[in-house]
Amino acid sequence: MNKVKNVIICGLGAIGTIYAARIADAGNINLKILLDEERIEKYKTNPTVFNNKEYSFDYITGDYCGFNADLIIIATKNSGLMEAVDAVKNFVNENTVFISLLNGISSEDVISSVYGFDKVLYSYYIGHTSTRQGRSIVHDGVYKTVFGEKDNQQLSKNVLKIKEFFDSTGIPYEIPVDMDYSRWWKFLVNVGYNQASAVLNASYGVFQNSERANNLAINLMQEAADLAKAMGVKNTHQLIAQVLDVIKTMLPETRTSMLQDIDAKRQTEVGIFAGYIVESAKKYSIPVPYNKVVLDIISAIDEKNAL
């Protein structure tokens, strides 16, 4: 089994920076950050500061030659996924493994359609939200990478390869037996609380203390759980209860990533949450009224913020 020595991270936002900093601090890994020319110049002029430590990463564009990636971590926004998938083509070889930290439920399918399912592991980031001011990012270190094949009763060579890499770099991780269930669980968190927070302008503390606010999130999640069941995911009746257990532990003052996007007048990712549910539900004739309304509301907020 080939060890991970050469790593590319696509995107250096809040989540990408968490991984870049941890890998850089670990040493002995050849780390490249793949960006466009404009961002490279911006970040060289105004370097990334993570938890009060300045980092000068090795930035490359897709035209860079002579680098064979063992691991490619996609950490862009969903709007940048296709551009990232195309930009890494010069670095992909027979041993390359992809993990995607994007929100939503479909980025792995997009990557696999270009490079093949044998190179892509299902994965997601779960943890406390970072706070960001310019190029300065602060994070409390509470997170993990959940990853694996769809079924991990027996670990594949790619899972073992990434497991060893995470062990060596100190990146927290979990390998669930049923990855399909686990990634839908994360999807429900986003569908319920990211979207409800965006509509209500509410931190987690509001949901912890307001029954009506929390019920909005639950209704959004129930529609997602109904869709998951129709798509063949097992044990979907357990999803919402397990989400609620985690929401109780969140810091009350924390604002979700979608709400932070709205605060900063960035476009949200409502299309991969409510948009995905509304579109997919048509195939199964599942009613999704809450997600339809939320899709309209948040899309209107996005349009307003783009004016």
Foldseek 3Di string as FASTA:
>chain_A
DDAFAEEEEEDDDQVSVVVVVLQVVLDNHHYEYEDDPVVLVVCVVPPAAEQNRGDDHHYDYLVDADAAGLEYEYDHEPVCLVVVLVSCVRRYDPNYAYEYAYAFDCSLVVSCVPVNNVRYKYKHKDFADWDDDPNYIYDPPGIAMEIAHQAVPPGDPVRVNVVVVCVSSVGHYDYDRHVLLVSLLRLLLCQQQLLLCQLVVAFLLCLLPPPVSVVLSVLSSVLSLVLSVVVPDPPSVCRVVVSVVVSNVHDRVGRDPNSVCLVVLHQGVLCSRLVVSVVSCVVVVRDRVSSVVSSVVSVVSNVVSVD
